[in-house]
N, C-alpha and C. Protein backbone atom coordinates (compact mmCIF):
# COMPACT_ATOMS: atom_id res chain seq x y z
N MET A 1 12.45 -17.48 -21.85
CA MET A 1 11.71 -17.85 -20.68
C MET A 1 11.76 -16.72 -19.66
N ASN A 2 10.63 -16.41 -19.06
CA ASN A 2 10.53 -15.32 -18.11
C ASN A 2 10.59 -15.86 -16.69
N GLU A 3 11.74 -15.70 -16.03
CA GLU A 3 11.91 -16.17 -14.66
C GLU A 3 11.23 -15.22 -13.69
N LYS A 4 10.62 -15.77 -12.64
CA LYS A 4 9.96 -14.97 -11.63
C LYS A 4 10.51 -15.33 -10.25
N VAL A 5 10.44 -14.39 -9.33
CA VAL A 5 10.89 -14.58 -7.96
C VAL A 5 9.73 -15.18 -7.17
N GLU A 6 10.05 -16.13 -6.28
CA GLU A 6 9.03 -16.70 -5.41
C GLU A 6 8.55 -15.63 -4.43
N ILE A 7 7.28 -15.64 -4.12
CA ILE A 7 6.69 -14.64 -3.22
C ILE A 7 7.39 -14.62 -1.86
N SER A 8 7.85 -15.75 -1.39
CA SER A 8 8.49 -15.82 -0.07
C SER A 8 9.85 -15.10 -0.04
N ARG A 9 10.39 -14.76 -1.20
CA ARG A 9 11.69 -14.10 -1.27
C ARG A 9 11.58 -12.58 -1.31
N ILE A 10 10.37 -12.06 -1.29
CA ILE A 10 10.19 -10.60 -1.28
C ILE A 10 10.43 -10.11 0.15
N GLY A 11 11.43 -9.26 0.33
CA GLY A 11 11.82 -8.82 1.66
C GLY A 11 11.11 -7.58 2.15
N SER A 12 10.68 -6.72 1.26
CA SER A 12 9.98 -5.50 1.65
C SER A 12 8.50 -5.79 1.85
N THR A 13 7.95 -5.32 2.97
CA THR A 13 6.53 -5.51 3.21
C THR A 13 5.85 -4.16 3.38
N ILE A 14 4.59 -4.13 3.09
CA ILE A 14 3.78 -2.94 3.27
C ILE A 14 2.46 -3.38 3.87
N GLU A 15 1.99 -2.64 4.87
CA GLU A 15 0.75 -3.00 5.54
C GLU A 15 -0.44 -2.32 4.87
N LEU A 16 -1.46 -3.12 4.55
CA LEU A 16 -2.70 -2.61 3.99
C LEU A 16 -3.87 -3.15 4.80
N ASP A 17 -4.98 -2.42 4.81
CA ASP A 17 -6.18 -2.89 5.49
C ASP A 17 -6.99 -3.80 4.56
N ASN A 18 -8.00 -4.45 5.12
CA ASN A 18 -8.82 -5.38 4.34
C ASN A 18 -9.46 -4.72 3.12
N TYR A 19 -9.91 -3.49 3.27
CA TYR A 19 -10.54 -2.78 2.16
C TYR A 19 -9.57 -2.62 0.99
N ARG A 20 -8.33 -2.18 1.27
CA ARG A 20 -7.33 -1.99 0.21
C ARG A 20 -6.91 -3.33 -0.40
N ILE A 21 -6.79 -4.36 0.43
CA ILE A 21 -6.43 -5.68 -0.08
C ILE A 21 -7.49 -6.18 -1.06
N ASP A 22 -8.76 -6.06 -0.67
CA ASP A 22 -9.84 -6.47 -1.56
C ASP A 22 -9.84 -5.66 -2.86
N GLU A 23 -9.58 -4.37 -2.74
CA GLU A 23 -9.56 -3.50 -3.92
C GLU A 23 -8.45 -3.91 -4.89
N VAL A 24 -7.26 -4.20 -4.36
CA VAL A 24 -6.16 -4.63 -5.22
C VAL A 24 -6.50 -5.95 -5.92
N LEU A 25 -7.07 -6.89 -5.17
CA LEU A 25 -7.39 -8.19 -5.75
C LEU A 25 -8.54 -8.10 -6.75
N ASP A 26 -9.49 -7.21 -6.52
CA ASP A 26 -10.64 -7.08 -7.41
C ASP A 26 -10.33 -6.27 -8.66
N THR A 27 -9.57 -5.18 -8.52
CA THR A 27 -9.35 -4.26 -9.64
C THR A 27 -7.93 -4.27 -10.18
N GLY A 28 -6.99 -4.84 -9.43
CA GLY A 28 -5.59 -4.84 -9.86
C GLY A 28 -4.81 -3.63 -9.38
N GLN A 29 -5.47 -2.70 -8.69
CA GLN A 29 -4.77 -1.52 -8.18
C GLN A 29 -5.57 -0.86 -7.07
N CYS A 30 -4.92 0.04 -6.35
CA CYS A 30 -5.61 0.85 -5.35
C CYS A 30 -4.74 2.07 -5.04
N THR A 31 -5.33 3.00 -4.32
CA THR A 31 -4.59 4.15 -3.81
C THR A 31 -4.69 4.12 -2.30
N PHE A 32 -3.71 4.72 -1.64
CA PHE A 32 -3.80 4.88 -0.20
C PHE A 32 -2.91 6.03 0.24
N ILE A 33 -3.18 6.50 1.45
CA ILE A 33 -2.45 7.62 2.03
C ILE A 33 -1.76 7.13 3.29
N SER A 34 -0.53 7.58 3.51
CA SER A 34 0.21 7.14 4.68
C SER A 34 1.18 8.23 5.14
N PRO A 35 1.39 8.34 6.46
CA PRO A 35 2.44 9.23 6.94
C PRO A 35 3.83 8.62 6.74
N MET A 36 3.86 7.31 6.41
CA MET A 36 5.13 6.60 6.20
C MET A 36 5.55 6.72 4.74
N PHE A 37 6.87 6.82 4.50
CA PHE A 37 7.39 6.86 3.14
C PHE A 37 7.83 5.46 2.74
N TYR A 38 7.29 4.97 1.65
CA TYR A 38 7.69 3.68 1.07
C TYR A 38 8.31 3.96 -0.29
N ASN A 39 9.38 3.26 -0.59
CA ASN A 39 10.03 3.41 -1.89
C ASN A 39 9.18 2.78 -2.98
N LYS A 40 9.37 3.28 -4.20
CA LYS A 40 8.75 2.63 -5.35
C LYS A 40 9.32 1.23 -5.47
N GLY A 41 8.54 0.32 -6.03
CA GLY A 41 9.02 -1.03 -6.25
C GLY A 41 8.09 -2.07 -5.67
N VAL A 42 8.57 -3.30 -5.63
CA VAL A 42 7.76 -4.46 -5.24
C VAL A 42 7.80 -4.66 -3.73
N HIS A 43 6.62 -4.87 -3.13
CA HIS A 43 6.47 -5.10 -1.70
C HIS A 43 5.48 -6.24 -1.50
N ARG A 44 5.75 -7.08 -0.54
CA ARG A 44 4.79 -8.10 -0.14
C ARG A 44 3.77 -7.45 0.79
N VAL A 45 2.53 -7.89 0.73
CA VAL A 45 1.45 -7.26 1.49
C VAL A 45 1.25 -7.97 2.82
N LYS A 46 1.19 -7.17 3.87
CA LYS A 46 0.86 -7.66 5.21
C LYS A 46 -0.48 -7.05 5.61
N ASN A 47 -1.40 -7.88 6.04
CA ASN A 47 -2.71 -7.42 6.48
C ASN A 47 -2.54 -6.76 7.85
N ASN A 48 -2.86 -5.47 7.95
CA ASN A 48 -2.62 -4.76 9.22
C ASN A 48 -3.68 -5.07 10.27
N GLN A 49 -4.71 -5.83 9.92
CA GLN A 49 -5.73 -6.16 10.90
C GLN A 49 -5.49 -7.51 11.55
N ASN A 50 -4.90 -8.45 10.81
CA ASN A 50 -4.62 -9.75 11.42
C ASN A 50 -3.13 -10.09 11.45
N GLU A 51 -2.29 -9.18 10.92
CA GLU A 51 -0.83 -9.32 10.95
C GLU A 51 -0.29 -10.47 10.11
N HIS A 52 -1.09 -11.05 9.20
CA HIS A 52 -0.63 -12.14 8.34
C HIS A 52 -0.12 -11.60 7.01
N LEU A 53 0.92 -12.26 6.48
CA LEU A 53 1.39 -11.94 5.14
C LEU A 53 0.43 -12.55 4.13
N GLU A 54 0.06 -11.77 3.14
CA GLU A 54 -0.82 -12.26 2.08
C GLU A 54 0.03 -12.96 1.02
N ASP A 55 -0.64 -13.70 0.13
CA ASP A 55 0.05 -14.46 -0.91
C ASP A 55 0.17 -13.69 -2.22
N PHE A 56 0.34 -12.38 -2.13
CA PHE A 56 0.54 -11.58 -3.34
C PHE A 56 1.42 -10.38 -3.02
N ALA A 57 1.95 -9.79 -4.06
CA ALA A 57 2.80 -8.61 -3.92
C ALA A 57 2.22 -7.47 -4.75
N ILE A 58 2.57 -6.27 -4.36
CA ILE A 58 2.16 -5.08 -5.09
C ILE A 58 3.39 -4.32 -5.56
N ASN A 59 3.19 -3.46 -6.52
CA ASN A 59 4.25 -2.60 -7.01
C ASN A 59 3.80 -1.16 -6.79
N ILE A 60 4.56 -0.41 -5.99
CA ILE A 60 4.25 1.01 -5.81
C ILE A 60 4.68 1.70 -7.09
N ASP A 61 3.69 2.25 -7.76
CA ASP A 61 3.89 2.82 -9.09
C ASP A 61 4.10 4.32 -9.06
N LYS A 62 3.42 5.01 -8.14
CA LYS A 62 3.49 6.45 -8.11
C LYS A 62 3.40 6.94 -6.67
N ILE A 63 4.19 7.96 -6.35
CA ILE A 63 4.19 8.57 -5.02
C ILE A 63 4.06 10.08 -5.19
N GLU A 64 3.16 10.66 -4.43
CA GLU A 64 3.04 12.12 -4.37
C GLU A 64 3.10 12.51 -2.90
N ALA A 65 3.47 13.73 -2.62
CA ALA A 65 3.56 14.19 -1.24
C ALA A 65 2.96 15.59 -1.13
N ALA A 66 2.39 15.88 0.03
CA ALA A 66 1.81 17.20 0.26
C ALA A 66 1.83 17.52 1.74
N THR A 67 1.84 18.79 2.05
CA THR A 67 1.67 19.24 3.42
C THR A 67 0.22 19.61 3.64
N TYR A 68 -0.20 19.63 4.88
CA TYR A 68 -1.57 20.02 5.21
C TYR A 68 -1.84 21.43 4.69
N GLN A 69 -0.96 22.36 5.02
CA GLN A 69 -1.18 23.75 4.63
C GLN A 69 -1.16 23.90 3.11
N GLY A 70 -0.31 23.14 2.43
CA GLY A 70 -0.25 23.19 0.98
C GLY A 70 -1.57 22.77 0.35
N LEU A 71 -2.17 21.70 0.88
CA LEU A 71 -3.46 21.25 0.36
C LEU A 71 -4.57 22.25 0.69
N VAL A 72 -4.55 22.81 1.89
CA VAL A 72 -5.55 23.82 2.26
C VAL A 72 -5.43 25.03 1.33
N ASP A 73 -4.20 25.46 1.06
CA ASP A 73 -4.00 26.60 0.16
C ASP A 73 -4.53 26.30 -1.24
N ASP A 74 -4.32 25.06 -1.72
CA ASP A 74 -4.74 24.68 -3.07
C ASP A 74 -6.22 24.36 -3.18
N LEU A 75 -6.77 23.64 -2.18
CA LEU A 75 -8.12 23.11 -2.30
C LEU A 75 -9.14 23.77 -1.38
N GLY A 76 -8.68 24.42 -0.34
CA GLY A 76 -9.58 25.01 0.64
C GLY A 76 -9.71 24.10 1.86
N GLU A 77 -9.92 24.68 3.01
CA GLU A 77 -9.97 23.92 4.26
C GLU A 77 -11.11 22.92 4.30
N ASP A 78 -12.22 23.23 3.64
CA ASP A 78 -13.38 22.32 3.63
C ASP A 78 -13.10 21.01 2.90
N CYS A 79 -12.12 21.01 2.00
CA CYS A 79 -11.83 19.81 1.19
C CYS A 79 -10.75 18.92 1.79
N VAL A 80 -10.10 19.36 2.85
CA VAL A 80 -8.97 18.61 3.40
C VAL A 80 -9.36 18.00 4.75
N ASP A 81 -9.19 16.69 4.86
CA ASP A 81 -9.51 15.97 6.10
C ASP A 81 -8.31 16.10 7.05
N SER A 82 -8.48 16.91 8.09
CA SER A 82 -7.37 17.15 9.02
C SER A 82 -6.98 15.90 9.79
N HIS A 83 -7.87 14.91 9.89
CA HIS A 83 -7.56 13.67 10.62
C HIS A 83 -6.48 12.85 9.93
N LEU A 84 -6.26 13.07 8.63
CA LEU A 84 -5.19 12.36 7.92
C LEU A 84 -3.82 12.72 8.48
N TRP A 85 -3.74 13.87 9.12
CA TRP A 85 -2.47 14.37 9.64
C TRP A 85 -2.30 14.08 11.13
N ASP A 86 -3.17 13.29 11.73
CA ASP A 86 -3.08 13.01 13.17
C ASP A 86 -1.73 12.43 13.57
N LYS A 87 -1.15 11.55 12.75
CA LYS A 87 0.12 10.90 13.10
C LYS A 87 1.32 11.57 12.42
N VAL A 88 1.09 12.73 11.82
CA VAL A 88 2.15 13.43 11.09
C VAL A 88 2.55 14.68 11.88
N PRO A 89 3.85 14.83 12.17
CA PRO A 89 4.29 16.04 12.88
C PRO A 89 3.89 17.31 12.12
N GLU A 90 3.56 18.36 12.86
CA GLU A 90 3.12 19.61 12.24
C GLU A 90 4.14 20.12 11.22
N GLY A 91 3.66 20.48 10.06
CA GLY A 91 4.52 20.97 8.99
C GLY A 91 5.12 19.89 8.12
N SER A 92 4.96 18.62 8.52
CA SER A 92 5.51 17.51 7.73
C SER A 92 4.56 17.14 6.59
N ILE A 93 5.04 16.26 5.75
CA ILE A 93 4.26 15.86 4.58
C ILE A 93 3.60 14.51 4.79
N ILE A 94 2.57 14.26 4.00
CA ILE A 94 1.90 12.97 3.96
C ILE A 94 2.05 12.45 2.53
N PHE A 95 2.06 11.13 2.38
CA PHE A 95 2.34 10.53 1.08
C PHE A 95 1.10 9.88 0.50
N PHE A 96 0.90 10.07 -0.79
CA PHE A 96 -0.20 9.49 -1.54
C PHE A 96 0.39 8.47 -2.50
N TYR A 97 -0.16 7.26 -2.50
CA TYR A 97 0.40 6.16 -3.29
C TYR A 97 -0.60 5.59 -4.28
N LEU A 98 -0.11 5.19 -5.44
CA LEU A 98 -0.84 4.37 -6.39
C LEU A 98 -0.09 3.05 -6.46
N VAL A 99 -0.78 1.96 -6.15
CA VAL A 99 -0.13 0.64 -6.19
C VAL A 99 -0.88 -0.25 -7.16
N LYS A 100 -0.15 -1.18 -7.75
CA LYS A 100 -0.72 -2.14 -8.69
C LYS A 100 -0.32 -3.55 -8.27
N LEU A 101 -1.21 -4.49 -8.54
CA LEU A 101 -0.91 -5.89 -8.30
C LEU A 101 0.27 -6.29 -9.17
N GLU A 102 1.31 -6.85 -8.57
CA GLU A 102 2.51 -7.24 -9.32
C GLU A 102 2.26 -8.57 -10.01
N LYS A 103 2.36 -8.58 -11.34
CA LYS A 103 2.08 -9.79 -12.11
C LYS A 103 3.29 -10.29 -12.90
N ASP A 104 4.27 -9.43 -13.14
CA ASP A 104 5.36 -9.78 -14.03
C ASP A 104 6.60 -10.34 -13.34
N LEU A 105 6.91 -9.88 -12.13
CA LEU A 105 8.17 -10.23 -11.49
C LEU A 105 8.06 -11.34 -10.44
N VAL A 106 6.86 -11.54 -9.90
CA VAL A 106 6.71 -12.42 -8.75
C VAL A 106 5.82 -13.61 -9.10
N ASP A 107 6.29 -14.81 -8.72
CA ASP A 107 5.50 -16.04 -8.87
C ASP A 107 4.56 -16.11 -7.68
N GLN A 108 3.29 -15.87 -7.92
CA GLN A 108 2.33 -15.79 -6.83
C GLN A 108 0.96 -16.26 -7.30
N GLN A 109 0.13 -16.55 -6.35
CA GLN A 109 -1.26 -16.92 -6.60
C GLN A 109 -2.12 -15.91 -5.87
N PRO A 110 -2.37 -14.72 -6.48
CA PRO A 110 -3.11 -13.70 -5.75
C PRO A 110 -4.51 -14.16 -5.37
N GLY A 111 -4.85 -13.89 -4.15
CA GLY A 111 -6.17 -14.24 -3.64
C GLY A 111 -6.19 -14.04 -2.15
N ARG A 112 -7.36 -14.04 -1.58
CA ARG A 112 -7.49 -13.89 -0.13
C ARG A 112 -7.18 -15.19 0.54
N LYS A 113 -6.43 -15.12 1.64
CA LYS A 113 -6.18 -16.32 2.43
C LYS A 113 -7.46 -16.70 3.14
N THR A 114 -7.82 -17.96 3.03
CA THR A 114 -9.05 -18.40 3.68
C THR A 114 -8.75 -19.28 4.89
N GLU A 115 -7.53 -19.76 4.97
CA GLU A 115 -7.15 -20.53 6.15
C GLU A 115 -5.70 -20.25 6.48
N TYR A 116 -5.37 -20.36 7.74
CA TYR A 116 -4.01 -20.12 8.20
C TYR A 116 -3.54 -21.32 8.99
N TYR A 117 -2.26 -21.55 8.93
CA TYR A 117 -1.68 -22.69 9.63
C TYR A 117 -1.14 -22.23 10.96
N GLU A 118 -1.32 -23.05 11.98
CA GLU A 118 -0.79 -22.74 13.30
C GLU A 118 0.63 -23.25 13.40
N ALA A 119 1.46 -22.50 14.13
CA ALA A 119 2.86 -22.88 14.30
C ALA A 119 2.99 -23.95 15.36
């Protein structure tokens, strides 16, 4: 028997926007860029536009990092969006993530919340 953890017991959260949430639910995965470093592993999703926890979890599968100057040197200045580094101190790195919908470890009903309860 394969035991799963209840979604409410996932302590790590990661904030995603509506576009990324829809992408994960529709395709089972997405990529995103962040100045914040998140560890690999399972995270519960928090909608960064309405601040609600979603009823699904993701697994950060892959992390890459790059500096602005490193990408400019490799790809050329025309290919690098300097606005991605607005919240990143000069010379620091930005992180690129591949996340997948977690299906094996967490007991969840992935889907968009359509109603919320008031406290």
